[in-house]
Amino acid sequence: MLSMELTASTQQAAPSIMPESSQSGAQLMRLLQLSSPTLPVGAYSYSQGLEWAAAQGTVHDEASAAAWIEDLLRFTLAPFELPCLMQMLQAARLGDAQALRDLNATFLASRESAELRAETVQMGRSLVRLFGELAQTRQVRGLLAGVSEPAYPCAWACAAAAFELPEAQCRAAYTWAWIENQVLAAIKLVPLGQSAGQRLLLQLAAIGAELCEQPLAAIETWTNFAPGFGLASIAHETQYTRLFRS
């Protein structure tokens, strides 16, 4: 009798557990899809100035690569790009096209070189085209219909809204994808071995997770002041030989 009661209890509990588990699993997979290096937007072709820094010897080993990427995390991604992304995500969820246009213009204005601007526009356009072809995310094109040059984080935020992804997980996934791309670039450019690359990922992911848990900066305090980064990107535009587009 006891075994029969336990079985009945388990059967009654199952319906309330499975849908929640299934939903969270689907959300996780969609989050991984958005943060995957296989997402066909061309992220792998950009180094964001890291190629010039390596050519000049500023980044020359594992420690200097970690320092360069960490500085960008702390001084550009966390205090500007992430809060802008989250505002874009909120606007996309509300269907606020005007707010999306304004935030997109703000982000484009923050790009300090022609390369950085071309990078985010190319990746944004590719993402809009990709998700415009999928039934689950076709609304992305509608949300961005009034944006002539959608920046990558704007398109990314609209896709995340279409997937109904949680804000905290979006911050972590976007940050991880950025870190991974920078580390992959460093492995090629310094060059670094695969073990060094994994050490960098562990180290920088811990920093990224810490930054993602901090309160987002208010819009009036957003800043991406990093002169060395801007100069590296500008210098990369005329670098004699290049592996990366920016």
Protein backbone atom coordinates (compact mmCIF):
# COMPACT_ATOMS: atom_id res chain seq x y z
CA MET A 1 0.00 0.00 0.00
CA LEU A 2 2.81 2.37 0.84
CA SER A 3 4.43 1.95 -2.60
CA MET A 4 1.07 2.54 -4.27
CA GLU A 5 0.56 5.78 -2.29
CA LEU A 6 4.02 7.03 -3.22
CA THR A 7 3.41 6.30 -6.87
CA ALA A 8 0.10 8.11 -6.85
CA SER A 9 1.67 11.09 -5.12
CA THR A 10 4.44 11.23 -7.69
CA GLN A 11 1.98 11.08 -10.56
CA GLN A 12 -0.04 13.96 -9.13
CA ALA A 13 3.05 16.13 -8.65
CA ALA A 14 4.45 15.54 -12.12
CA PRO A 15 2.21 17.93 -14.09
CA SER A 16 3.21 20.94 -11.95
CA ILE A 17 6.92 20.19 -12.23
CA MET A 18 7.47 19.22 -15.85
CA PRO A 19 6.17 22.37 -17.60
CA GLU A 20 8.39 24.63 -15.46
CA SER A 21 11.43 22.43 -16.08
CA SER A 22 10.69 22.21 -19.77
CA GLN A 23 10.25 25.98 -20.04
CA SER A 24 13.51 26.75 -18.24
CA GLY A 25 15.34 24.23 -20.42
CA ALA A 26 14.00 25.83 -23.58
CA GLN A 27 14.98 29.29 -22.34
CA LEU A 28 18.49 28.07 -21.56
CA MET A 29 18.89 26.61 -25.03
CA ARG A 30 17.66 29.83 -26.65
CA LEU A 31 20.09 31.78 -24.47
CA LEU A 32 22.93 29.51 -25.58
CA GLN A 33 21.85 30.00 -29.19
CA LEU A 34 22.07 33.79 -28.82
CA SER A 35 25.50 33.63 -27.15
CA SER A 36 26.99 30.92 -29.37
CA PRO A 37 30.08 31.73 -31.48
CA THR A 38 28.30 29.87 -34.31
CA LEU A 39 25.62 32.59 -34.46
CA PRO A 40 26.11 33.70 -38.07
CA VAL A 41 26.70 37.43 -37.52
CA GLY A 42 30.45 37.52 -38.13
CA ALA A 43 31.57 38.27 -34.56
CA TYR A 44 34.66 36.08 -35.06
CA SER A 45 36.02 38.52 -37.67
CA TYR A 46 36.42 41.42 -35.20
CA SER A 47 39.08 42.00 -32.55
CA GLN A 48 37.97 45.49 -31.39
CA GLY A 49 41.47 46.95 -31.45
CA LEU A 50 43.13 43.93 -29.90
CA GLU A 51 44.99 43.17 -33.13
CA TRP A 52 46.70 46.57 -33.09
CA ALA A 53 47.52 46.21 -29.36
CA ALA A 54 49.15 42.85 -30.10
CA ALA A 55 51.08 44.24 -33.08
CA GLN A 56 52.45 47.05 -30.90
CA GLY A 57 53.44 44.65 -28.12
CA THR A 58 51.00 46.09 -25.59
CA VAL A 59 49.35 42.68 -25.49
CA HIS A 60 52.12 40.07 -25.71
CA ASP A 61 51.35 37.27 -23.27
CA GLU A 62 48.59 35.74 -21.16
CA ALA A 63 48.84 38.33 -18.39
CA SER A 64 48.75 41.35 -20.70
CA ALA A 65 45.85 39.84 -22.67
CA ALA A 66 43.93 39.37 -19.42
CA ALA A 67 44.65 42.96 -18.39
CA TRP A 68 43.53 44.38 -21.75
CA ILE A 69 40.28 42.43 -21.85
CA GLU A 70 39.52 43.07 -18.17
CA ASP A 71 39.94 46.82 -18.67
CA LEU A 72 37.45 46.76 -21.53
CA LEU A 73 35.04 44.79 -19.37
CA ARG A 74 35.27 47.29 -16.53
CA PHE A 75 35.46 50.54 -18.48
CA THR A 76 33.32 50.01 -21.58
CA LEU A 77 31.09 46.94 -21.38
CA ALA A 78 29.85 47.15 -17.77
CA PRO A 79 29.32 50.93 -17.42
CA PHE A 80 27.88 51.54 -20.90
CA GLU A 81 27.08 48.63 -23.19
CA LEU A 82 25.30 46.42 -20.64
CA PRO A 83 23.00 49.10 -19.21
CA CYS A 84 22.22 50.26 -22.75
CA LEU A 85 21.44 46.66 -23.74
CA MET A 86 19.10 46.24 -20.78
CA GLN A 87 17.26 49.46 -21.62
CA MET A 88 16.90 48.17 -25.18
CA LEU A 89 15.54 44.89 -23.84
CA GLN A 90 12.90 46.68 -21.76
CA ALA A 91 11.90 48.84 -24.72
CA ALA A 92 11.61 45.77 -26.94
CA ARG A 93 9.40 44.00 -24.40
CA LEU A 94 7.11 47.03 -24.28
CA GLY A 95 7.13 47.40 -28.05
CA ASP A 96 8.42 50.97 -27.63
CA ALA A 97 9.81 51.71 -31.09
CA GLN A 98 10.74 55.31 -30.27
CA ALA A 99 12.79 54.28 -27.24
CA LEU A 100 14.57 51.68 -29.37
CA ARG A 101 15.42 54.30 -31.98
CA ASP A 102 16.76 56.68 -29.35
CA LEU A 103 18.84 54.03 -27.59
CA ASN A 104 20.17 52.74 -30.89
CA ALA A 105 21.25 56.27 -31.85
CA THR A 106 22.95 56.67 -28.48
CA PHE A 107 24.88 53.44 -28.95
CA LEU A 108 25.97 54.31 -32.49
CA ALA A 109 27.15 57.73 -31.30
CA SER A 110 29.34 56.01 -28.71
CA ARG A 111 31.39 54.17 -31.34
CA GLU A 112 34.72 56.01 -31.49
CA SER A 113 35.97 54.86 -34.86
CA ALA A 114 34.58 54.05 -38.29
CA GLU A 115 35.55 50.41 -37.72
CA LEU A 116 33.67 50.08 -34.46
CA ARG A 117 30.58 51.66 -35.96
CA ALA A 118 30.74 49.48 -39.09
CA GLU A 119 31.18 46.39 -36.89
CA THR A 120 28.08 46.90 -34.78
CA VAL A 121 25.95 47.88 -37.80
CA GLN A 122 27.06 44.85 -39.84
CA MET A 123 26.44 42.45 -36.97
CA GLY A 124 23.12 44.07 -36.14
CA ARG A 125 21.95 43.88 -39.74
CA SER A 126 22.98 40.23 -39.96
CA LEU A 127 21.11 39.36 -36.77
CA VAL A 128 17.95 41.14 -37.89
CA ARG A 129 18.08 39.31 -41.22
CA LEU A 130 18.64 35.96 -39.51
CA PHE A 131 15.84 36.21 -36.97
CA GLY A 132 13.51 37.79 -39.51
CA GLU A 133 13.59 34.43 -41.30
CA LEU A 134 12.54 32.41 -38.22
CA ALA A 135 8.92 32.15 -37.17
CA GLN A 136 9.76 32.42 -33.45
CA THR A 137 11.56 35.75 -33.84
CA ARG A 138 9.99 37.32 -36.92
CA GLN A 139 8.66 40.15 -34.77
CA VAL A 140 12.24 41.43 -34.46
CA ARG A 141 11.97 43.02 -37.89
CA GLY A 142 8.73 44.72 -36.92
CA LEU A 143 10.24 46.20 -33.76
CA LEU A 144 13.19 47.57 -35.71
CA ALA A 145 11.28 48.71 -38.79
CA GLY A 146 12.00 52.36 -37.98
CA VAL A 147 15.69 51.84 -37.24
CA SER A 148 17.72 52.33 -40.40
CA GLU A 149 20.97 51.00 -38.91
CA PRO A 150 20.26 48.69 -35.97
CA ALA A 151 23.30 48.26 -33.75
CA TYR A 152 24.15 44.74 -32.64
CA PRO A 153 23.02 45.11 -29.01
CA CYS A 154 19.71 46.58 -30.20
CA ALA A 155 19.05 43.64 -32.51
CA TRP A 156 20.25 41.23 -29.79
CA ALA A 157 17.90 42.77 -27.23
CA CYS A 158 14.93 42.44 -29.60
CA ALA A 159 15.75 38.78 -30.22
CA ALA A 160 16.05 38.17 -26.46
CA ALA A 161 12.66 39.83 -25.95
CA ALA A 162 11.13 37.63 -28.64
CA PHE A 163 12.55 34.58 -26.85
CA GLU A 164 11.17 35.91 -23.51
CA LEU A 165 14.54 35.52 -21.82
CA PRO A 166 15.15 36.72 -18.23
CA GLU A 167 17.09 39.97 -17.88
CA ALA A 168 19.79 38.63 -15.54
CA GLN A 169 20.53 35.71 -17.86
CA CYS A 170 20.68 38.05 -20.84
CA ARG A 171 23.32 40.16 -19.10
CA ALA A 172 25.41 37.08 -18.35
CA ALA A 173 25.04 35.57 -21.82
CA TYR A 174 25.90 38.79 -23.66
CA THR A 175 28.94 39.33 -21.43
CA TRP A 176 30.11 35.75 -21.89
CA ALA A 177 29.83 35.96 -25.66
CA TRP A 178 31.88 39.17 -25.67
CA ILE A 179 34.56 37.65 -23.41
CA GLU A 180 34.77 34.49 -25.49
CA ASN A 181 35.23 36.43 -28.70
CA GLN A 182 38.03 38.53 -27.21
CA VAL A 183 39.82 35.48 -25.85
CA LEU A 184 39.55 33.67 -29.18
CA ALA A 185 41.10 36.72 -30.85
CA ALA A 186 43.92 36.76 -28.28
CA ILE A 187 44.64 33.07 -28.86
CA LYS A 188 45.21 33.81 -32.54
CA LEU A 189 47.02 37.12 -32.21
CA VAL A 190 49.42 36.85 -29.27
CA PRO A 191 49.44 33.86 -29.89
CA LEU A 192 48.31 31.85 -26.88
CA GLY A 193 47.83 28.12 -26.41
CA GLN A 194 44.47 26.51 -25.76
CA SER A 195 45.25 25.97 -22.07
CA ALA A 196 46.05 29.66 -21.66
CA GLY A 197 42.81 30.47 -23.42
CA GLN A 198 40.83 28.35 -20.98
CA ARG A 199 42.57 29.99 -18.03
CA LEU A 200 41.65 33.38 -19.43
CA LEU A 201 38.03 32.35 -19.89
CA LEU A 202 37.80 31.18 -16.28
CA GLN A 203 39.46 34.33 -14.95
CA LEU A 204 37.50 36.78 -17.05
CA ALA A 205 34.19 34.96 -16.65
CA ALA A 206 34.49 35.37 -12.87
CA ILE A 207 35.03 39.11 -13.33
CA GLY A 208 32.19 39.30 -15.83
CA ALA A 209 29.82 37.50 -13.46
CA GLU A 210 30.72 39.93 -10.68
CA LEU A 211 30.06 42.92 -12.92
CA CYS A 212 26.73 41.48 -14.08
CA GLU A 213 25.53 41.27 -10.49
CA GLN A 214 26.21 44.95 -9.80
CA PRO A 215 23.36 47.48 -10.14
CA LEU A 216 23.09 48.90 -13.65
CA ALA A 217 24.31 52.46 -14.10
CA ALA A 218 21.64 55.14 -14.53
CA ILE A 219 21.49 56.53 -18.06
CA GLU A 220 22.91 59.90 -17.02
CA THR A 221 26.05 58.18 -15.68
CA TRP A 222 26.73 55.85 -18.63
CA THR A 223 30.34 56.06 -19.73
CA ASN A 224 32.70 54.17 -22.02
CA PHE A 225 35.74 56.37 -21.46
CA ALA A 226 38.72 54.24 -22.53
CA PRO A 227 41.13 56.35 -24.62
CA GLY A 228 43.57 53.51 -25.25
CA PHE A 229 40.81 51.36 -26.68
CA GLY A 230 39.62 54.13 -28.99
CA LEU A 231 43.14 54.85 -30.23
CA ALA A 232 43.80 51.15 -30.83
CA SER A 233 40.67 50.85 -32.93
CA ILE A 234 41.50 53.98 -34.94
CA ALA A 235 45.07 52.82 -35.55
CA HIS A 236 43.82 49.41 -36.64
CA GLU A 237 41.96 51.03 -39.54
CA THR A 238 45.28 51.67 -41.31
CA GLN A 239 47.29 48.73 -39.97
CA TYR A 240 49.45 47.28 -42.75
CA THR A 241 48.50 43.62 -42.30
CA ARG A 242 45.36 42.44 -40.54
CA LEU A 243 43.61 39.22 -39.65
CA PHE A 244 40.53 40.97 -38.30
CA ARG A 245 38.17 43.60 -39.70
CA SER A 246 38.34 45.77 -36.59
